[in-house]
Every structure is written in C-alpha cells, then in structure tokens.
Protein backbone atom coordinates (compact mmCIF):
# COMPACT_ATOMS: atom_id res chain seq x y z
CA MET A 1 -49.02 -2.27 23.42
CA GLU A 2 -45.81 -1.85 25.39
CA VAL A 3 -42.69 -3.20 23.72
CA LYS A 4 -40.11 -4.91 25.90
CA LEU A 5 -36.43 -5.49 25.10
CA ILE A 6 -34.87 -8.71 26.34
CA PHE A 7 -31.15 -9.34 25.88
CA THR A 8 -29.75 -12.86 25.78
CA LYS A 9 -26.60 -13.50 27.83
CA LYS A 10 -24.59 -13.64 24.59
CA ALA A 11 -25.93 -10.26 23.47
CA GLN A 12 -25.25 -8.72 26.89
CA LYS A 13 -21.67 -9.95 26.75
CA GLU A 14 -21.17 -8.59 23.22
CA LEU A 15 -22.65 -5.25 24.23
CA GLN A 16 -20.40 -4.95 27.30
CA ARG A 17 -17.31 -5.42 25.11
CA LEU A 18 -18.12 -2.22 23.22
CA ASP A 19 -16.96 1.21 24.27
CA ALA A 20 -19.37 3.43 26.22
CA GLN A 21 -20.05 5.79 23.31
CA THR A 22 -21.06 2.92 20.99
CA ARG A 23 -23.28 1.36 23.68
CA LYS A 24 -25.01 4.70 24.18
CA ARG A 25 -25.52 5.13 20.44
CA ILE A 26 -27.04 1.65 20.16
CA ALA A 27 -29.35 2.27 23.15
CA ILE A 28 -30.60 5.59 21.74
CA LYS A 29 -31.26 4.11 18.31
CA LEU A 30 -33.00 1.00 19.68
CA LYS A 31 -35.25 3.23 21.77
CA TYR A 32 -36.05 5.31 18.69
CA TYR A 33 -36.88 2.25 16.57
CA LEU A 34 -39.11 0.72 19.23
CA GLU A 35 -41.03 3.97 19.79
CA GLN A 36 -42.14 3.98 16.16
CA GLU A 37 -45.55 2.69 15.11
CA ASP A 38 -43.98 -0.17 13.12
CA PRO A 39 -40.41 -0.91 14.29
CA LEU A 40 -40.03 -3.64 11.67
CA GLU A 41 -40.09 -0.92 9.03
CA TYR A 42 -36.48 -0.21 10.08
CA ALA A 43 -35.47 -3.87 10.32
CA ARG A 44 -34.16 -6.26 7.73
CA SER A 45 -35.44 -9.81 7.57
CA LEU A 46 -32.55 -12.26 7.80
CA VAL A 47 -32.28 -15.12 5.33
CA HIS A 48 -30.36 -17.45 7.64
CA SER A 49 -32.06 -17.45 11.00
CA SER A 50 -29.02 -18.75 12.90
CA LEU A 51 -28.45 -15.20 14.22
CA GLY A 52 -32.10 -14.22 14.54
CA SER A 53 -35.13 -13.44 12.39
CA TYR A 54 -34.47 -9.72 11.90
CA SER A 55 -31.71 -7.18 12.33
CA PHE A 56 -31.42 -3.46 12.90
CA ARG A 57 -28.52 -1.55 11.40
CA ILE A 58 -26.96 0.91 13.83
CA GLY A 59 -23.77 2.40 12.43
CA HIS A 60 -21.29 -0.39 11.83
CA TYR A 61 -23.19 -2.78 14.09
CA ARG A 62 -25.99 -5.21 13.41
CA ILE A 63 -28.49 -5.99 16.16
CA ALA A 64 -30.01 -9.42 15.45
CA PHE A 65 -33.31 -10.15 17.17
CA ASP A 66 -36.41 -12.31 17.30
CA ILE A 67 -39.95 -11.27 18.18
CA LYS A 68 -42.27 -13.07 20.58
CA GLY A 69 -45.52 -11.18 21.04
CA SER A 70 -44.54 -7.66 22.12
CA ASP A 71 -41.07 -8.77 23.27
CA TYR A 72 -38.02 -8.07 21.16
CA ILE A 73 -35.35 -10.61 22.07
CA ILE A 74 -31.90 -9.29 21.19
CA VAL A 75 -29.83 -12.29 20.17
CA SER A 76 -26.63 -10.67 18.95
CA VAL A 77 -24.80 -7.33 18.81
CA ILE A 78 -22.10 -7.75 16.21
CA HIS A 79 -19.87 -5.60 14.01
CA ARG A 80 -20.89 -5.74 10.36
CA LYS A 81 -17.52 -7.19 9.27
CA ASP A 82 -18.27 -10.27 11.41
CA ALA A 83 -22.03 -10.40 10.87
CA TYR A 84 -21.94 -11.87 7.39
CA LYS A 85 -19.35 -14.60 7.95
CA LYS A 86 -20.62 -18.16 7.93
C-alpha cells in the first residue's frame, strides 16, 4: 500500500517559515518514518485532537497529523515550545 503525504495550507505555511536546513531535516525524517512497515510505531497519540490525532517528533519540532486510509494528512508543523500551549 502506497502512503501519501498531504499538507494542509496551515502546515505548508508553517513549513515555509522554517529555514531550509530544518525543512530538509523534516522531509528526510518523514520519508524515513513512512517507509517503515508501521509508521505509527514512531508516532505519539495525541490526547487533545485539536492539533491532530498523532504526532511525530523531529528534533525540536512536532508534526501533527491525521490518517485517512493510506493518506497521512499533516495538520501542523510546530516548534515544541509552542506545541503544548493551550
């Protein structure tokens, strides 16, 4: 089953605000996670689903996402210091 990444407009905007090196690091790590047999093994289930259902930790950033079938919908790309504020 082929996995597909879909970025929301909000996530695209947040990603574009980051420097090129950080964007590259996030892209490489997301590709690695999604190539694994069970990508959710590397994800954390989120208690409050306002950001998304799951998140990946990539350095100081949290990638919040939802899953629909084989599509991973990236909802937010946020620095960890801002990720846990209500």
